[in-house]
C-alpha cells in the first residue's frame, strides 16, 4: 500500500496546481473515469454520499475562508494498493470506498493540533472537506522504458490490476478555522510516513491481509528501525532537495544491498548535510553515489550471512521482502519497469515466512 501526497511542482501536471480553483483538477480526474458506468455523473464520493464533478469543485472552492491568493487551497492524495492487495480484496470497489474513508480518518487524526489552552485538539474525517474517485487503469508514459524500447505505445493501458484512488482534500477544515497542510516541514504537526504506515495497518487488519511489512516488522524490530531511519532521511531529501522517486528507489536498493549498515546510514546523513549546505535541488552527485555504493556492511550482517544453520535467512528474506513492500509499490505507482521483479520478490519473501512459522510455531502476526 503506497500513500502519497502529490507535490504539484514536482509532478509536472498543471492539473495538480493547488493555488487556485480545483476545476482544472476536477476536469482532469473526470476524463480518467468511465462515465458510461455512472450515467448520473456522480463519480466522486466521501463518507456521506456520491457527487458530481461540479459539486466537488464547488465544495472545495468555497471552503477557502482565511486563505490568501498565494496559499494552497487543496491537496491531492493518492492511495495505491499493490496488485497483491487488490487481488486479496478481489478489486472490490465497495471495499476500496470503505478503506478510503478509513484512510481519511487516519489523515485527520494524524494532524497534531494545539488548542489555546495548550491541550491537544483531535480531528476526525467529519471535520474535513474531501472527495475521492477510483481509477481502474494506468497508461504508459513517454518516459517509460517500454515506450522507449518500442515494446509499448504511449497511452496504452498497463497490464494487470492498476486500481488506485485519487483524493482531493481542502486545505481548511470544515469550519474554515484551521489550516491543514500535509506537506508541512513540521513532522510533529503531520507526518506522511506515519499516515502511510497507519493506512497499511488499517488495510491489513480490515481485510485480514498478511503484508510482508507486517510480518517483517514483528520478526526483527531492530532492523526495521534502521529502515525507518533511512526513510526519514529520504523524506527530507524529497521535500527539501528535490530528490526524484527514481533516485529514492535507487537509494533504497543500495541500502538493501548494504544491509542498512551503520556506515551506509552515516554516509547518507552526511550527504544530507552536504545537500543542505549547497542549497541545491539537483540530487546527488557522482561522488555521493559512489560513497553510498561503497558503504561497508555491519559485522553482524556478515556473521549472519556466514551462519547457514539459522532457521530464518534474515538477510536474504529482508533483501527480497523490502524491495517488494516498499519499492514495488513505488514502482507500480510511478510506472517504473520493476513490477515483475518485485512481485517475485514478494512471493519469495512470503514463502520464507511460511517456512519460519512451520519450523518455530511462533505467531508473528499483529
Protein backbone atom coordinates (compact mmCIF):
# COMPACT_ATOMS: atom_id res chain seq x y z
CA UNK A 1 0.00 0.00 0.00
CA UNK A 2 1.52 3.25 -1.15
CA UNK A 3 0.08 6.50 0.23
CA UNK A 4 1.26 9.70 -1.38
CA UNK A 5 0.75 13.45 -1.12
CA UNK A 6 1.30 14.86 -4.61
CA UNK A 7 3.80 17.69 -4.99
CA UNK A 8 2.33 19.93 -7.74
CA UNK A 9 5.75 21.39 -8.58
CA UNK A 10 7.42 18.00 -8.91
CA UNK A 11 4.61 16.08 -10.53
CA UNK A 12 4.69 18.17 -13.67
CA UNK A 13 0.95 18.09 -14.34
CA UNK A 14 -0.61 21.53 -14.36
CA UNK A 15 -3.88 19.91 -13.25
CA UNK A 16 -2.48 19.44 -9.75
CA UNK A 17 -1.73 23.14 -9.27
CA UNK A 18 -3.47 23.95 -6.00
CA UNK A 19 -3.12 27.72 -5.72
CA UNK A 20 -6.48 28.45 -7.36
CA UNK A 21 -9.69 26.67 -8.28
CA UNK A 22 -9.95 22.88 -8.21
CA UNK A 23 -11.90 22.96 -11.51
CA UNK A 24 -8.87 22.02 -13.62
CA UNK A 25 -8.15 19.04 -11.36
CA UNK A 26 -11.81 18.02 -11.42
CA UNK A 27 -11.80 18.03 -15.21
CA UNK A 28 -8.56 16.02 -15.33
CA UNK A 29 -9.84 13.38 -12.90
CA UNK A 30 -13.20 13.10 -14.64
CA UNK A 31 -11.50 12.44 -18.00
CA UNK A 32 -9.74 9.44 -16.48
CA UNK A 33 -13.05 7.82 -15.49
CA UNK A 34 -15.59 5.72 -17.38
CA UNK A 35 -18.65 7.96 -17.19
CA UNK A 36 -20.73 5.39 -19.07
CA UNK A 37 -20.74 3.28 -15.90
CA UNK A 38 -22.02 6.26 -13.90
CA UNK A 39 -24.69 7.95 -16.03
CA UNK A 40 -25.63 10.38 -13.24
CA UNK A 41 -22.06 11.70 -13.28
CA UNK A 42 -21.58 11.10 -9.54
CA UNK A 43 -18.07 9.73 -9.80
CA UNK A 44 -16.71 11.37 -6.63
CA UNK A 45 -17.51 10.21 -3.12
CA UNK A 46 -16.84 10.72 0.59
CA UNK A 47 -18.30 9.22 3.75
CA UNK A 48 -21.62 10.96 3.22
CA UNK A 49 -22.64 10.37 -0.41
CA UNK A 50 -21.64 10.42 -4.09
CA UNK A 51 -21.14 13.67 -6.00
CA UNK A 52 -20.70 15.09 -9.48
CA UNK A 53 -17.54 16.90 -10.52
CA UNK A 54 -19.29 20.27 -10.27
CA UNK A 55 -20.45 19.52 -6.72
CA UNK A 56 -16.92 18.53 -5.75
CA UNK A 57 -15.39 21.67 -7.25
CA UNK A 58 -17.95 23.94 -5.65
CA UNK A 59 -17.38 22.47 -2.16
CA UNK A 60 -13.58 22.67 -2.39
CA UNK A 61 -13.53 26.15 -3.92
CA UNK A 62 -15.87 27.68 -1.33
CA UNK A 63 -14.00 26.23 1.65
CA UNK A 64 -11.17 28.78 1.49
CA UNK A 65 -12.07 31.46 4.04
CA UNK A 66 -8.89 32.78 5.68
CA UNK A 67 -6.56 31.74 2.85
CA UNK A 68 -4.59 34.24 0.77
CA UNK A 69 -4.10 34.18 -3.01
CA UNK A 70 -0.67 32.55 -2.58
CA UNK A 71 -1.84 29.84 -0.17
CA UNK A 72 -2.54 26.23 -1.16
CA UNK A 73 -6.31 25.78 -1.48
CA UNK A 74 -6.40 21.97 -1.54
CA UNK A 75 -4.15 18.91 -1.65
CA UNK A 76 -4.11 15.83 -3.86
CA UNK A 77 -3.58 12.45 -2.23
CA UNK A 78 -3.16 9.04 -3.82
CA UNK A 79 -3.81 5.59 -2.34
CA UNK A 80 -2.17 2.92 -4.47
CA UNK A 81 -2.67 -0.70 -3.33
CA UNK A 82 -0.24 -3.27 -4.69
CA UNK A 83 -1.54 -5.84 -7.15
CA UNK A 84 -1.33 -8.50 -4.44
CA UNK A 85 -3.50 -6.37 -2.17
CA UNK A 86 -6.02 -5.74 -4.94
CA UNK A 87 -6.17 -9.46 -5.67
CA UNK A 88 -6.74 -10.13 -1.96
CA UNK A 89 -9.90 -7.99 -1.91
CA UNK A 90 -10.87 -9.05 -5.45
CA UNK A 91 -10.57 -5.43 -6.60
CA UNK A 92 -13.90 -4.75 -4.86
CA UNK A 93 -14.90 -1.07 -5.27
CA UNK A 94 -17.12 -1.09 -2.17
CA UNK A 95 -14.21 -2.27 -0.04
CA UNK A 96 -11.98 0.37 -1.59
CA UNK A 97 -14.52 3.08 -0.77
CA UNK A 98 -14.73 1.93 2.85
CA UNK A 99 -10.95 1.79 3.06
CA UNK A 100 -10.65 5.30 1.63
CA UNK A 101 -12.92 6.66 4.38
CA UNK A 102 -10.72 4.89 6.94
CA UNK A 103 -7.60 6.46 5.40
CA UNK A 104 -9.13 9.92 5.62
CA UNK A 105 -9.90 9.27 9.29
CA UNK A 106 -6.21 8.39 9.67
CA UNK A 107 -5.37 11.58 7.78
CA UNK A 108 -7.45 13.76 10.13
CA UNK A 109 -6.09 12.09 13.27
CA UNK A 110 -2.51 12.41 12.03
CA UNK A 111 -2.60 16.19 12.48
CA UNK A 112 -1.30 17.30 15.87
CA UNK A 113 -3.13 20.49 16.82
CA UNK A 114 -2.98 22.53 19.99
CA UNK A 115 -5.91 24.46 21.43
CA UNK A 116 -5.48 27.89 23.01
CA UNK A 117 -5.32 26.32 26.48
CA UNK A 118 -2.41 24.11 25.37
CA UNK A 119 -4.42 20.91 25.15
CA UNK A 120 -4.34 18.75 22.05
CA UNK A 121 -7.21 19.07 19.60
CA UNK A 122 -8.23 15.95 17.71
CA UNK A 123 -9.91 15.96 14.31
CA UNK A 124 -11.96 13.30 12.59
CA UNK A 125 -12.78 12.64 8.96
CA UNK A 126 -16.06 14.51 9.52
CA UNK A 127 -14.06 17.72 10.10
CA UNK A 128 -12.60 17.55 6.59
CA UNK A 129 -13.88 18.61 3.19
CA UNK A 130 -12.74 15.87 0.85
CA UNK A 131 -13.74 13.89 -2.24
CA UNK A 132 -12.30 10.73 -3.77
CA UNK A 133 -12.60 8.84 -7.04
CA UNK A 134 -11.46 5.36 -8.00
CA UNK A 135 -9.44 4.81 -11.19
CA UNK A 136 -9.02 1.30 -12.53
CA UNK A 137 -6.36 1.82 -15.18
CA UNK A 138 -2.92 3.29 -15.71
CA UNK A 139 -1.32 4.05 -19.06
CA UNK A 140 2.27 4.01 -20.27
CA UNK A 141 4.05 7.38 -20.28
CA UNK A 142 6.52 8.67 -22.83
CA UNK A 143 9.49 8.22 -20.49
CA UNK A 144 8.65 4.59 -19.57
CA UNK A 145 11.31 2.11 -20.66
CA UNK A 146 8.71 0.01 -22.51
CA UNK A 147 7.76 3.02 -24.64
CA UNK A 148 11.39 3.99 -25.29
CA UNK A 149 12.21 0.44 -26.38
CA UNK A 150 9.19 0.30 -28.67
CA UNK A 151 7.50 -2.56 -26.79
CA UNK A 152 4.58 -0.35 -25.78
CA UNK A 153 2.96 2.82 -27.07
CA UNK A 154 2.40 5.96 -25.05
CA UNK A 155 -1.16 5.98 -23.74
CA UNK A 156 -1.52 2.19 -23.94
CA UNK A 157 -3.12 0.60 -20.87
CA UNK A 158 -0.89 -1.25 -18.43
CA UNK A 159 -1.50 -4.91 -17.76
CA UNK A 160 -2.86 -6.37 -14.53
CA UNK A 161 -4.78 -4.71 -11.72
CA UNK A 162 -3.92 -1.00 -11.66
CA UNK A 163 -6.70 0.34 -9.42
CA UNK A 164 -5.85 3.39 -7.32
CA UNK A 165 -7.70 6.19 -5.56
CA UNK A 166 -7.31 9.94 -6.04
CA UNK A 167 -8.39 12.16 -3.14
CA UNK A 168 -8.90 15.92 -3.19
CA UNK A 169 -8.98 17.48 0.29
CA UNK A 170 -9.41 21.12 1.26
CA UNK A 171 -6.53 22.94 2.93
CA UNK A 172 -9.02 24.21 5.51
CA UNK A 173 -11.16 22.21 7.90
CA UNK A 174 -14.94 22.32 7.50
CA UNK A 175 -15.28 25.21 9.98
CA UNK A 176 -12.64 27.14 7.97
CA UNK A 177 -10.77 27.93 11.18
CA UNK A 178 -7.83 25.54 10.84
CA UNK A 179 -5.30 25.22 8.00
CA UNK A 180 -4.31 21.59 7.36
CA UNK A 181 -1.12 21.18 5.36
CA UNK A 182 0.10 17.57 4.93
CA UNK A 183 3.27 18.82 3.21
CA UNK A 184 4.38 20.85 6.20
CA UNK A 185 8.05 20.62 7.17
CA UNK A 186 6.94 20.26 10.79
CA UNK A 187 6.74 16.48 11.15
CA UNK A 188 5.35 16.93 14.66
CA UNK A 189 2.25 18.50 13.09
CA UNK A 190 1.82 15.98 10.26
CA UNK A 191 3.97 13.00 9.26
CA UNK A 192 3.42 11.49 5.82
CA UNK A 193 5.33 8.39 6.94
CA UNK A 194 3.06 7.90 9.96
CA UNK A 195 -0.04 8.37 7.82
CA UNK A 196 1.24 5.88 5.26
CA UNK A 197 2.08 3.30 7.94
CA UNK A 198 -1.32 3.70 9.58
CA UNK A 199 -3.03 3.15 6.22
CA UNK A 200 -1.10 -0.09 5.74
CA UNK A 201 -2.04 -1.25 9.22
CA UNK A 202 -5.69 -0.39 8.50
CA UNK A 203 -5.68 -2.41 5.28
CA UNK A 204 -4.04 -5.38 6.98
CA UNK A 205 -6.46 -5.50 9.91
CA UNK A 206 -9.60 -4.57 7.95
CA UNK A 207 -9.15 -7.18 5.24
CA UNK A 208 -7.09 -9.80 7.07
CA UNK A 209 -4.09 -9.23 4.85
CA UNK A 210 -0.67 -10.51 5.91
CA UNK A 211 1.55 -7.88 4.32
CA UNK A 212 5.29 -8.58 4.06
CA UNK A 213 5.91 -5.38 6.01
CA UNK A 214 3.70 -6.50 8.89
CA UNK A 215 5.49 -9.82 9.19
CA UNK A 216 8.92 -8.30 8.83
CA UNK A 217 8.47 -5.61 11.47
CA UNK A 218 7.49 -8.25 14.02
CA UNK A 219 10.32 -10.57 13.01
CA UNK A 220 13.08 -8.03 13.58
CA UNK A 221 12.25 -4.71 15.23
CA UNK A 222 15.87 -3.51 15.34
CA UNK A 223 16.29 -3.92 11.59
CA UNK A 224 13.01 -2.12 10.92
CA UNK A 225 14.23 0.85 12.96
CA UNK A 226 17.21 1.07 10.60
CA UNK A 227 14.88 1.02 7.62
CA UNK A 228 12.79 3.84 9.05
CA UNK A 229 15.91 5.92 9.77
CA UNK A 230 16.71 5.83 6.06
CA UNK A 231 13.06 6.53 5.15
CA UNK A 232 13.05 9.64 7.32
CA UNK A 233 16.17 10.94 5.57
CA UNK A 234 14.68 10.19 2.14
CA UNK A 235 11.53 12.11 3.05
CA UNK A 236 13.69 15.14 3.88
CA UNK A 237 15.66 14.74 0.65
CA UNK A 238 12.44 14.62 -1.38
CA UNK A 239 10.89 17.65 0.32
CA UNK A 240 13.92 19.92 0.58
CA UNK A 241 16.37 18.82 -2.10
CA UNK A 242 14.09 17.69 -4.94
CA UNK A 243 15.12 14.02 -4.84
CA UNK A 244 13.20 12.16 -7.57
CA UNK A 245 11.23 8.96 -6.97
CA UNK A 246 13.66 7.11 -9.24
CA UNK A 247 16.62 8.21 -7.10
CA UNK A 248 14.73 7.29 -3.93
CA UNK A 249 14.25 3.77 -5.28
CA UNK A 250 17.94 3.62 -6.22
CA UNK A 251 19.00 4.65 -2.70
CA UNK A 252 16.67 2.03 -1.20
CA UNK A 253 18.22 -0.61 -3.45
CA UNK A 254 21.70 0.38 -2.29
CA UNK A 255 20.53 0.35 1.33
CA UNK A 256 19.21 -3.18 0.91
CA UNK A 257 22.46 -4.31 -0.74
CA UNK A 258 24.45 -2.91 2.20
CA UNK A 259 22.04 -4.32 4.78
CA UNK A 260 21.13 -0.82 6.03
CA UNK A 261 24.54 -0.78 7.68
CA UNK A 262 25.76 1.87 10.11
CA UNK A 263 28.28 3.08 7.52
CA UNK A 264 25.57 3.46 4.87
CA UNK A 265 23.29 5.42 7.20
CA UNK A 266 26.23 7.58 8.33
CA UNK A 267 27.17 8.36 4.72
CA UNK A 268 23.56 9.17 3.84
CA UNK A 269 23.28 11.53 6.80
CA UNK A 270 26.50 13.31 5.80
CA UNK A 271 25.24 13.62 2.22
CA UNK A 272 22.09 15.22 3.58
CA UNK A 273 24.17 17.81 5.40
CA UNK A 274 26.12 18.48 2.20
CA UNK A 275 22.92 18.94 0.20
CA UNK A 276 21.62 21.33 2.86
CA UNK A 277 24.83 23.36 2.78
CA UNK A 278 24.84 23.50 -1.04
CA UNK A 279 21.21 24.60 -1.07
CA UNK A 280 20.63 22.98 -4.45
CA UNK A 281 17.92 20.70 -5.77
CA UNK A 282 19.88 18.71 -8.32
CA UNK A 283 20.02 15.45 -6.40
CA UNK A 284 23.21 13.53 -5.57
CA UNK A 285 26.47 13.94 -7.47
CA UNK A 286 28.63 11.05 -8.71
CA UNK A 287 30.92 11.16 -5.66
CA UNK A 288 27.99 10.91 -3.28
CA UNK A 289 26.52 7.97 -5.18
CA UNK A 290 29.92 6.25 -5.02
CA UNK A 291 30.10 6.70 -1.24
CA UNK A 292 26.72 5.04 -0.83
CA UNK A 293 27.69 2.20 -3.17
CA UNK A 294 30.94 1.57 -1.27
CA UNK A 295 29.45 1.69 2.24
CA UNK A 296 30.68 -1.12 4.46
CA UNK A 297 28.21 -3.72 5.76
CA UNK A 298 27.92 -4.25 9.51
CA UNK A 299 29.98 -7.04 11.02
CA UNK A 300 26.80 -8.54 12.48
CA UNK A 301 25.32 -8.83 8.99
CA UNK A 302 28.46 -10.53 7.70
CA UNK A 303 28.25 -13.04 10.53
CA UNK A 304 24.59 -13.69 9.74
CA UNK A 305 25.40 -14.37 6.11
CA UNK A 306 28.00 -16.89 7.20
CA UNK A 307 25.62 -18.61 9.63
CA UNK A 308 23.94 -21.21 7.45
CA UNK A 309 22.39 -23.02 10.43
CA UNK A 310 19.84 -20.28 11.11
CA UNK A 311 16.22 -21.37 10.53
CA UNK A 312 15.42 -17.90 9.15
CA UNK A 313 17.56 -16.49 6.38
CA UNK A 314 17.01 -12.91 7.55
CA UNK A 315 19.43 -11.23 5.18
CA UNK A 316 18.13 -12.93 2.05
CA UNK A 317 14.49 -12.51 3.01
CA UNK A 318 14.99 -8.91 4.01
CA UNK A 319 16.68 -8.02 0.74
CA UNK A 320 13.84 -9.60 -1.23
CA UNK A 321 10.97 -8.58 1.02
CA UNK A 322 11.74 -4.91 1.43
CA UNK A 323 12.10 -4.50 -2.33
CA UNK A 324 8.55 -5.82 -2.58
CA UNK A 325 6.61 -3.94 0.04
CA UNK A 326 8.28 -0.55 -0.48
CA UNK A 327 9.94 -0.44 -3.86
CA UNK A 328 7.26 -2.33 -5.77
CA UNK A 329 4.52 -0.02 -4.58
CA UNK A 330 6.54 2.99 -5.69
CA UNK A 331 7.33 1.31 -8.97
CA UNK A 332 3.71 0.41 -9.68
CA UNK A 333 2.62 3.91 -8.78
CA UNK A 334 5.16 5.73 -10.89
CA UNK A 335 5.37 3.34 -13.84
CA UNK A 336 8.91 2.06 -13.33
CA UNK A 337 9.88 -1.18 -15.05
CA UNK A 338 10.34 -3.17 -11.84
CA UNK A 339 6.94 -4.73 -11.27
CA UNK A 340 7.74 -8.32 -12.24
CA UNK A 341 10.94 -8.42 -10.20
CA UNK A 342 9.29 -7.05 -7.08
CA UNK A 343 6.27 -9.36 -7.32
CA UNK A 344 8.58 -12.38 -7.48
CA UNK A 345 10.47 -10.97 -4.50
CA UNK A 346 7.26 -10.71 -2.52
CA UNK A 347 6.32 -14.32 -3.25
CA UNK A 348 9.82 -15.40 -2.27
CA UNK A 349 9.58 -13.49 1.00
CA UNK A 350 6.18 -14.94 1.89
CA UNK A 351 7.40 -18.47 1.25
CA UNK A 352 10.31 -17.91 3.63
CA UNK A 353 7.99 -16.57 6.31
CA UNK A 354 5.76 -19.64 5.98
CA UNK A 355 8.82 -21.85 6.48
CA UNK A 356 9.73 -19.88 9.60
CA UNK A 357 6.24 -20.30 11.03
CA UNK A 358 6.31 -24.05 10.37
CA UNK A 359 9.73 -24.50 11.96
CA UNK A 360 9.27 -22.31 15.04
CA UNK A 361 5.48 -22.34 15.59
CA UNK A 362 5.80 -18.68 16.55
CA UNK A 363 2.91 -16.32 15.84
CA UNK A 364 4.47 -13.31 14.09
CA UNK A 365 1.25 -11.62 13.09
CA UNK A 366 0.00 -8.43 14.71
